[in-house]
C-alpha atoms as a PDB file:
ATOM      1  CA  MET A   1     113.201 108.057 103.241  1.00  0.00           C
ATOM      2  CA  SER A   2     116.545 108.190 101.467  1.00  0.00           C
ATOM      3  CA  PRO A   3     117.927 111.558 100.353  1.00  0.00           C
ATOM      4  CA  HIS A   4     117.904 110.502  96.705  1.00  0.00           C
ATOM      5  CA  LEU A   5     114.128 110.105  96.855  1.00  0.00           C
ATOM      6  CA  ARG A   6     113.466 113.674  97.996  1.00  0.00           C
ATOM      7  CA  PRO A   7     113.812 115.507  94.636  1.00  0.00           C
ATOM      8  CA  PHE A   8     110.720 116.477  92.646  1.00  0.00           C
ATOM      9  CA  SER A   9     108.938 117.858  95.726  1.00  0.00           C
ATOM     10  CA  GLU A  10     110.362 121.323  95.131  1.00  0.00           C
ATOM     11  CA  ILE A  11     109.767 121.336  91.374  1.00  0.00           C
ATOM     12  CA  ALA A  12     106.289 119.790  91.513  1.00  0.00           C
ATOM     13  CA  GLU A  13     104.729 123.144  90.643  1.00  0.00           C
ATOM     14  CA  ILE A  14     106.448 123.263  87.241  1.00  0.00           C
ATOM     15  CA  TYR A  15     107.000 119.552  86.586  1.00  0.00           C
ATOM     16  CA  ASP A  16     104.370 119.444  83.840  1.00  0.00           C
ATOM     17  CA  LEU A  17     106.054 122.324  82.022  1.00  0.00           C
ATOM     18  CA  LEU A  18     109.439 120.605  82.220  1.00  0.00           C
ATOM     19  CA  PHE A  19     108.088 117.473  80.563  1.00  0.00           C
ATOM     20  CA  ASP A  20     105.307 118.841  78.370  1.00  0.00           C
ATOM     21  CA  ASP A  21     106.672 117.029  75.309  1.00  0.00           C
ATOM     22  CA  ILE A  22     105.967 113.513  76.605  1.00  0.00           C
ATOM     23  CA  ASP A  23     103.303 111.500  74.768  1.00  0.00           C
ATOM     24  CA  TYR A  24     101.427 110.176  77.801  1.00  0.00           C
ATOM     25  CA  GLU A  25      98.522 109.008  75.643  1.00  0.00           C
ATOM     26  CA  GLY A  26     100.824 106.869  73.532  1.00  0.00           C
ATOM     27  CA  TRP A  27     102.556 105.573  76.658  1.00  0.00           C
ATOM     28  CA  ALA A  28      99.224 104.518  78.159  1.00  0.00           C
ATOM     29  CA  LEU A  29      98.253 102.673  74.981  1.00  0.00           C
ATOM     30  CA  TYR A  30     101.605 100.864  74.996  1.00  0.00           C
ATOM     31  CA  ILE A  31     101.139  99.790  78.613  1.00  0.00           C
ATOM     32  CA  SER A  32      97.612  98.632  77.842  1.00  0.00           C
ATOM     33  CA  LYS A  33      98.995  96.297  75.164  1.00  0.00           C
ATOM     34  CA  LEU A  34     101.620  94.929  77.550  1.00  0.00           C
ATOM     35  CA  LEU A  35      98.961  94.210  80.152  1.00  0.00           C
ATOM     36  CA  ASN A  36      97.564  91.606  77.780  1.00  0.00           C
ATOM     37  CA  PHE A  37     100.515  89.400  78.726  1.00  0.00           C
ATOM     38  CA  ALA A  38      98.663  88.705  81.983  1.00  0.00           C
ATOM     39  CA  ARG A  39      96.002  86.801  80.032  1.00  0.00           C
ATOM     40  CA  ILE A  40      93.455  87.948  82.603  1.00  0.00           C
ATOM     41  CA  PRO A  41      91.177  90.990  82.605  1.00  0.00           C
ATOM     42  CA  VAL A  42      93.094  93.922  84.099  1.00  0.00           C
ATOM     43  CA  ARG A  43      90.822  96.464  85.744  1.00  0.00           C
ATOM     44  CA  ARG A  44      92.622  97.813  88.836  1.00  0.00           C
ATOM     45  CA  ILE A  45      96.126  99.236  88.500  1.00  0.00           C
ATOM     46  CA  LEU A  46      98.561 100.438  91.145  1.00  0.00           C
ATOM     47  CA  GLU A  47     100.831 103.091  89.641  1.00  0.00           C
ATOM     48  CA  VAL A  48     104.143 103.388  91.477  1.00  0.00           C
ATOM     49  CA  GLY A  49     105.851 106.752  91.020  1.00  0.00           C
ATOM     50  CA  CYS A  50     102.724 108.387  89.614  1.00  0.00           C
ATOM     51  CA  GLY A  51     104.179 111.898  89.795  1.00  0.00           C
ATOM     52  CA  THR A  52     101.673 114.601  88.889  1.00  0.00           C
ATOM     53  CA  GLY A  53      99.211 112.094  87.433  1.00  0.00           C
ATOM     54  CA  ASN A  54      99.684 112.661  83.709  1.00  0.00           C
ATOM     55  CA  LEU A  55      99.882 108.963  82.834  1.00  0.00           C
ATOM     56  CA  THR A  56      97.244 108.224  85.475  1.00  0.00           C
ATOM     57  CA  ARG A  57      94.816 110.453  83.624  1.00  0.00           C
ATOM     58  CA  GLU A  58      95.361 108.643  80.323  1.00  0.00           C
ATOM     59  CA  LEU A  59      94.939 105.225  81.948  1.00  0.00           C
ATOM     60  CA  VAL A  60      91.670 106.359  83.521  1.00  0.00           C
ATOM     61  CA  LYS A  61      90.500 107.486  80.090  1.00  0.00           C
ATOM     62  CA  LEU A  62      91.146 103.939  78.865  1.00  0.00           C
ATOM     63  CA  GLY A  63      88.773 102.621  81.523  1.00  0.00           C
ATOM     64  CA  TYR A  64      91.180 101.456  84.225  1.00  0.00           C
ATOM     65  CA  GLU A  65      90.704 102.104  87.917  1.00  0.00           C
ATOM     66  CA  VAL A  66      94.042 103.509  89.084  1.00  0.00           C
ATOM     67  CA  VAL A  67      95.516 104.093  92.530  1.00  0.00           C
ATOM     68  CA  GLY A  68      98.614 106.275  92.405  1.00  0.00           C
ATOM     69  CA  VAL A  69     101.492 106.225  94.880  1.00  0.00           C
ATOM     70  CA  ASP A  70     104.514 108.480  95.048  1.00  0.00           C
ATOM     71  CA  VAL A  71     107.091 109.459  97.651  1.00  0.00           C
ATOM     72  CA  SER A  72     106.762 113.178  96.835  1.00  0.00           C
ATOM     73  CA  GLU A  73     103.983 114.966  98.681  1.00  0.00           C
ATOM     74  CA  GLY A  74     104.308 117.940  96.343  1.00  0.00           C
ATOM     75  CA  MET A  75     103.752 115.819  93.252  1.00  0.00           C
ATOM     76  CA  LEU A  76     100.762 114.110  94.836  1.00  0.00           C
ATOM     77  CA  LYS A  77      99.125 117.453  95.621  1.00  0.00           C
ATOM     78  CA  VAL A  78      99.340 118.411  91.950  1.00  0.00           C
ATOM     79  CA  ALA A  79      98.000 115.009  90.881  1.00  0.00           C
ATOM     80  CA  GLN A  80      95.081 115.128  93.316  1.00  0.00           C
ATOM     81  CA  LYS A  81      94.082 118.588  92.144  1.00  0.00           C
ATOM     82  CA  LYS A  82      94.223 117.382  88.551  1.00  0.00           C
ATOM     83  CA  LEU A  83      92.286 114.159  89.247  1.00  0.00           C
ATOM     84  CA  PRO A  84      90.075 114.651  92.328  1.00  0.00           C
ATOM     85  CA  ASP A  85      88.247 111.337  91.812  1.00  0.00           C
ATOM     86  CA  VAL A  86      91.442 109.235  91.833  1.00  0.00           C
ATOM     87  CA  ARG A  87      92.980 107.892  95.049  1.00  0.00           C
ATOM     88  CA  PHE A  88      96.570 109.020  95.561  1.00  0.00           C
ATOM     89  CA  LEU A  89      98.744 107.854  98.447  1.00  0.00           C
ATOM     90  CA  ARG A  90     102.187 108.764  99.701  1.00  0.00           C
ATOM     91  CA  ALA A  91     104.397 105.697  99.964  1.00  0.00           C
ATOM     92  CA  ASP A  92     107.972 104.532  99.485  1.00  0.00           C
ATOM     93  CA  VAL A  93     107.899 101.585  97.086  1.00  0.00           C
ATOM     94  CA  ARG A  94     110.438  99.728  99.253  1.00  0.00           C
ATOM     95  CA  GLU A  95     108.131  99.817 102.258  1.00  0.00           C
ATOM     96  CA  MET A  96     104.586 100.250 100.942  1.00  0.00           C
ATOM     97  CA  ASP A  97     101.902  98.133 102.530  1.00  0.00           C
ATOM     98  CA  LEU A  98      98.485  99.198 101.257  1.00  0.00           C
ATOM     99  CA  GLY A  99      96.638  96.140 102.487  1.00  0.00           C
ATOM    100  CA  GLU A 100      95.167  95.324  99.076  1.00  0.00           C
ATOM    101  CA  GLN A 101      96.119  93.660  95.808  1.00  0.00           C
ATOM    102  CA  PHE A 102      95.746  94.747  92.202  1.00  0.00           C
ATOM    103  CA  ASP A 103      95.462  93.195  88.769  1.00  0.00           C
ATOM    104  CA  ALA A 104      98.551  95.120  87.691  1.00  0.00           C
ATOM    105  CA  VAL A 105     101.316  97.309  89.078  1.00  0.00           C
ATOM    106  CA  ILE A 106     103.115  99.722  86.773  1.00  0.00           C
ATOM    107  CA  SER A 107     106.109 102.026  87.126  1.00  0.00           C
ATOM    108  CA  THR A 108     107.258 104.251  84.282  1.00  0.00           C
ATOM    109  CA  PHE A 109     109.612 107.098  83.356  1.00  0.00           C
ATOM    110  CA  ASP A 110     112.550 105.265  84.998  1.00  0.00           C
ATOM    111  CA  SER A 111     111.154 105.935  88.483  1.00  0.00           C
ATOM    112  CA  LEU A 112     112.783 102.807  89.891  1.00  0.00           C
ATOM    113  CA  ASN A 113     116.221 104.004  88.775  1.00  0.00           C
ATOM    114  CA  ASN A 114     116.107 106.367  91.756  1.00  0.00           C
ATOM    115  CA  LEU A 115     116.868 103.271  93.843  1.00  0.00           C
ATOM    116  CA  LEU A 116     120.649 103.222  93.887  1.00  0.00           C
ATOM    117  CA  THR A 117     121.361  99.698  95.145  1.00  0.00           C
ATOM    118  CA  GLU A 118     120.331  96.228  94.047  1.00  0.00           C
ATOM    119  CA  ALA A 119     119.141  95.602  97.598  1.00  0.00           C
ATOM    120  CA  ASP A 120     116.702  98.528  97.384  1.00  0.00           C
ATOM    121  CA  LEU A 121     115.483  97.467  93.946  1.00  0.00           C
ATOM    122  CA  ALA A 122     114.979  93.930  95.237  1.00  0.00           C
ATOM    123  CA  ARG A 123     112.928  95.280  98.155  1.00  0.00           C
ATOM    124  CA  ALA A 124     110.837  97.316  95.724  1.00  0.00           C
ATOM    125  CA  PHE A 125     110.136  94.297  93.524  1.00  0.00           C
ATOM    126  CA  GLY A 126     109.177  92.315  96.618  1.00  0.00           C
ATOM    127  CA  ARG A 127     106.641  94.928  97.697  1.00  0.00           C
ATOM    128  CA  ILE A 128     105.317  95.197  94.146  1.00  0.00           C
ATOM    129  CA  ARG A 129     104.785  91.432  93.996  1.00  0.00           C
ATOM    130  CA  ALA A 130     103.016  91.518  97.367  1.00  0.00           C
ATOM    131  CA  HIS A 131     100.495  94.017  95.962  1.00  0.00           C
ATOM    132  CA  LEU A 132      99.634  91.847  92.971  1.00  0.00           C
ATOM    133  CA  LYS A 133      96.946  89.220  92.750  1.00  0.00           C
ATOM    134  CA  PRO A 134      98.298  85.690  92.122  1.00  0.00           C
ATOM    135  CA  ARG A 135      98.055  86.080  88.343  1.00  0.00           C
ATOM    136  CA  GLY A 136      98.726  89.798  88.325  1.00  0.00           C
ATOM    137  CA  ILE A 137     101.281  91.552  86.115  1.00  0.00           C
ATOM    138  CA  PHE A 138     104.014  94.114  86.660  1.00  0.00           C
ATOM    139  CA  VAL A 139     104.974  96.491  83.845  1.00  0.00           C
ATOM    140  CA  GLY A 140     107.842  98.883  84.411  1.00  0.00           C
ATOM    141  CA  ASP A 141     110.793 100.517  82.714  1.00  0.00           C
ATOM    142  CA  LEU A 142     114.355 101.163  83.837  1.00  0.00           C
ATOM    143  CA  ASN A 143     117.295 102.999  82.322  1.00  0.00           C
ATOM    144  CA  THR A 144     120.364 100.912  81.525  1.00  0.00           C
ATOM    145  CA  PRO A 145     124.012 101.462  82.489  1.00  0.00           C
ATOM    146  CA  HIS A 146     124.574 102.459  78.854  1.00  0.00           C
ATOM    147  CA  ALA A 147     122.127 105.354  79.287  1.00  0.00           C
ATOM    148  CA  MET A 148     123.948 106.521  82.400  1.00  0.00           C
ATOM    149  CA  MET A 149     127.311 106.507  80.616  1.00  0.00           C
ATOM    150  CA  SER A 150     126.048 108.163  77.431  1.00  0.00           C
ATOM    151  CA  ASP A 151     123.013 110.443  77.808  1.00  0.00           C
ATOM    152  CA  TRP A 152     123.794 111.362  81.421  1.00  0.00           C
ATOM    153  CA  ASN A 153     127.554 111.860  81.066  1.00  0.00           C
ATOM    154  CA  ASP A 154     128.938 115.380  80.479  1.00  0.00           C
ATOM    155  CA  ALA A 155     125.475 116.374  79.284  1.00  0.00           C
ATOM    156  CA  LEU A 156     124.182 119.936  79.091  1.00  0.00           C
ATOM    157  CA  PHE A 157     120.609 120.830  78.140  1.00  0.00           C
ATOM    158  CA  VAL A 158     119.104 124.315  78.179  1.00  0.00           C
ATOM    159  CA  LYS A 159     115.411 124.939  77.597  1.00  0.00           C
ATOM    160  CA  GLU A 160     113.039 127.860  77.994  1.00  0.00           C
ATOM    161  CA  LEU A 161     109.653 126.744  79.266  1.00  0.00           C
ATOM    162  CA  LYS A 162     106.319 128.134  78.153  1.00  0.00           C
ATOM    163  CA  ASP A 163     106.014 130.366  81.229  1.00  0.00           C
ATOM    164  CA  GLY A 164     109.424 131.907  80.656  1.00  0.00           C
ATOM    165  CA  THR A 165     111.263 129.694  83.153  1.00  0.00           C
ATOM    166  CA  LEU A 166     114.790 128.809  82.081  1.00  0.00           C
ATOM    167  CA  SER A 167     115.911 125.232  82.805  1.00  0.00           C
ATOM    168  CA  LEU A 168     119.517 124.073  82.790  1.00  0.00           C
ATOM    169  CA  TRP A 169     120.311 120.347  83.048  1.00  0.00           C
ATOM    170  CA  ARG A 170     123.870 119.154  83.705  1.00  0.00           C
ATOM    171  CA  GLY A 171     124.752 115.461  83.747  1.00  0.00           C
ATOM    172  CA  GLU A 172     127.755 113.681  85.203  1.00  0.00           C
ATOM    173  CA  TYR A 173     128.614 109.976  85.258  1.00  0.00           C
ATOM    174  CA  LEU A 174     129.851 108.987  88.721  1.00  0.00           C
ATOM    175  CA  GLY A 175     130.809 105.378  87.986  1.00  0.00           C
ATOM    176  CA  ASP A 176     129.320 101.979  88.870  1.00  0.00           C
ATOM    177  CA  GLY A 177     126.269 102.678  86.735  1.00  0.00           C
ATOM    178  CA  VAL A 178     125.350 105.828  88.693  1.00  0.00           C
ATOM    179  CA  SER A 179     124.895 109.272  87.168  1.00  0.00           C
ATOM    180  CA  GLN A 180     123.995 112.609  88.688  1.00  0.00           C
ATOM    181  CA  LEU A 181     121.772 115.191  87.054  1.00  0.00           C
ATOM    182  CA  THR A 182     121.726 118.746  88.376  1.00  0.00           C
ATOM    183  CA  LEU A 183     118.718 120.866  87.443  1.00  0.00           C
ATOM    184  CA  THR A 184     118.873 124.646  87.841  1.00  0.00           C
ATOM    185  CA  LEU A 185     115.731 126.681  87.251  1.00  0.00           C
ATOM    186  CA  PHE A 186     115.348 130.420  86.866  1.00  0.00           C
ATOM    187  CA  ILE A 187     111.674 131.161  87.488  1.00  0.00           C
ATOM    188  CA  PRO A 188     110.396 134.636  86.486  1.00  0.00           C
ATOM    189  CA  THR A 189     108.908 136.628  89.366  1.00  0.00           C
ATOM    190  CA  GLY A 190     108.180 139.805  87.420  1.00  0.00           C
ATOM    191  CA  GLU A 191     110.015 143.036  86.472  1.00  0.00           C
ATOM    192  CA  GLY A 192     112.939 141.104  85.025  1.00  0.00           C
ATOM    193  CA  LEU A 193     113.660 139.246  88.271  1.00  0.00           C
ATOM    194  CA  TYR A 194     114.056 135.482  88.649  1.00  0.00           C
ATOM    195  CA  ARG A 195     113.893 133.008  91.521  1.00  0.00           C
ATOM    196  CA  ARG A 196     116.566 130.337  91.360  1.00  0.00           C
ATOM    197  CA  MET A 197     115.851 126.721  92.257  1.00  0.00           C
ATOM    198  CA  ASP A 198     118.310 123.813  92.270  1.00  0.00           C
ATOM    199  CA  GLU A 199     117.611 120.074  92.403  1.00  0.00           C
ATOM    200  CA  VAL A 200     120.067 117.180  92.258  1.00  0.00           C
ATOM    201  CA  PHE A 201     119.009 113.753  91.039  1.00  0.00           C
ATOM    202  CA  LYS A 202     120.868 110.468  91.028  1.00  0.00           C
ATOM    203  CA  GLU A 203     119.963 107.368  89.075  1.00  0.00           C
ATOM    204  CA  ARG A 204     121.563 103.971  88.728  1.00  0.00           C
ATOM    205  CA  GLY A 205     121.237 102.047  85.514  1.00  0.00           C
ATOM    206  CA  TYR A 206     120.418  98.337  85.703  1.00  0.00           C
ATOM    207  CA  SER A 207     121.167  95.693  83.095  1.00  0.00           C
ATOM    208  CA  PRO A 208     118.442  93.312  81.881  1.00  0.00           C
ATOM    209  CA  ALA A 209     120.269  90.411  83.538  1.00  0.00           C
ATOM    210  CA  VAL A 210     120.126  92.089  86.939  1.00  0.00           C
ATOM    211  CA  VAL A 211     116.506  93.195  86.578  1.00  0.00           C
ATOM    212  CA  LYS A 212     115.351  89.742  85.493  1.00  0.00           C
ATOM    213  CA  ARG A 213     117.242  88.080  88.340  1.00  0.00           C
ATOM    214  CA  LEU A 214     115.735  90.401  90.942  1.00  0.00           C
ATOM    215  CA  LEU A 215     112.230  90.034  89.532  1.00  0.00           C
ATOM    216  CA  LYS A 216     112.435  86.242  89.653  1.00  0.00           C
ATOM    217  CA  SER A 217     113.844  86.390  93.184  1.00  0.00           C
ATOM    218  CA  ALA A 218     110.768  88.427  94.112  1.00  0.00           C
ATOM    219  CA  GLY A 219     108.504  85.610  92.926  1.00  0.00           C
ATOM    220  CA  PHE A 220     107.808  86.443  89.286  1.00  0.00           C
ATOM    221  CA  LEU A 221     107.892  83.353  87.068  1.00  0.00           C
ATOM    222  CA  GLN A 222     108.066  84.877  83.605  1.00  0.00           C
ATOM    223  CA  VAL A 223     109.794  88.091  82.549  1.00  0.00           C
ATOM    224  CA  TRP A 224     109.797  89.774  79.141  1.00  0.00           C
ATOM    225  CA  ALA A 225     112.057  92.680  78.130  1.00  0.00           C
ATOM    226  CA  PHE A 226     111.477  95.183  75.314  1.00  0.00           C
ATOM    227  CA  ASP A 227     113.327  98.170  73.953  1.00  0.00           C
ATOM    228  CA  ASP A 228     111.790 101.481  75.001  1.00  0.00           C
ATOM    229  CA  LEU A 229     108.142 101.844  73.938  1.00  0.00           C
ATOM    230  CA  SER A 230     108.389  98.984  71.453  1.00  0.00           C
ATOM    231  CA  PHE A 231     108.073  95.223  71.223  1.00  0.00           C
ATOM    232  CA  GLU A 232     111.602  94.799  69.914  1.00  0.00           C
ATOM    233  CA  LYS A 233     114.255  92.908  71.852  1.00  0.00           C
ATOM    234  CA  PRO A 234     116.674  95.186  73.712  1.00  0.00           C
ATOM    235  CA  THR A 235     120.272  95.469  72.519  1.00  0.00           C
ATOM    236  CA  LYS A 236     123.549  96.372  74.194  1.00  0.00           C
ATOM    237  CA  ARG A 237     122.877  99.990  73.199  1.00  0.00           C
ATOM    238  CA  SER A 238     119.334 100.135  74.594  1.00  0.00           C
ATOM    239  CA  LYS A 239     118.930 103.062  76.951  1.00  0.00           C
ATOM    240  CA  ARG A 240     115.564 102.320  78.517  1.00  0.00           C
ATOM    241  CA  ILE A 241     114.013  98.861  78.727  1.00  0.00           C
ATOM    242  CA  THR A 242     110.420  98.005  79.565  1.00  0.00           C
ATOM    243  CA  TYR A 243     109.750  94.788  81.491  1.00  0.00           C
ATOM    244  CA  ALA A 244     106.571  92.755  81.824  1.00  0.00           C
ATOM    245  CA  ALA A 245     106.538  90.142  84.590  1.00  0.00           C
ATOM    246  CA  ILE A 246     103.943  87.684  85.870  1.00  0.00           C
END
């Protein structure tokens, strides 16, 4: 497992507080609409990078049978506790071999941007295609190089979480589409004392041209691209793009 895939294990316990403003219900409904591109009934979904299972839960509510995979054991423990009837597995998307195929594979919240080389992203798309039925569909989003150079460059975000934890995000653009995000947490332990926790994340942005090329090389015949959480065509200033591929 590559070092850049290790983060999120340490912060799994407070992950949901960090991202409590995300509309997972709306995200699930959006994905459900995109799954119609498959033109076949989609019942079983493999969710790559499922995290703590927040989107998983909303997809289950919509009637899908979901299997979640993630590289972080800590995140999976939280997800399993939250959804005891859902099957969660630890796997690296570049190497996963579950021995079964699904109607759809999804990956959201720019999980695949944690893969820092085209070779790794190509391997991931290959394994995703191998876990799809012949007419199955992949739906996933990735941040663009523009996002890395804008939102993630010289960025500073400070937020106090509901439990009193202070979060400090610092972004830095490293070049070649790669940005680094350093997260520092000050977690209250009582009597005015705090426990400090630091995590470093790296993401690489990928252009639509690269993503489409790698998807087709993996065996997908048709690829659609949409601006984040919409059905509009992406532009040069799009920061996150959602792809549907069959």
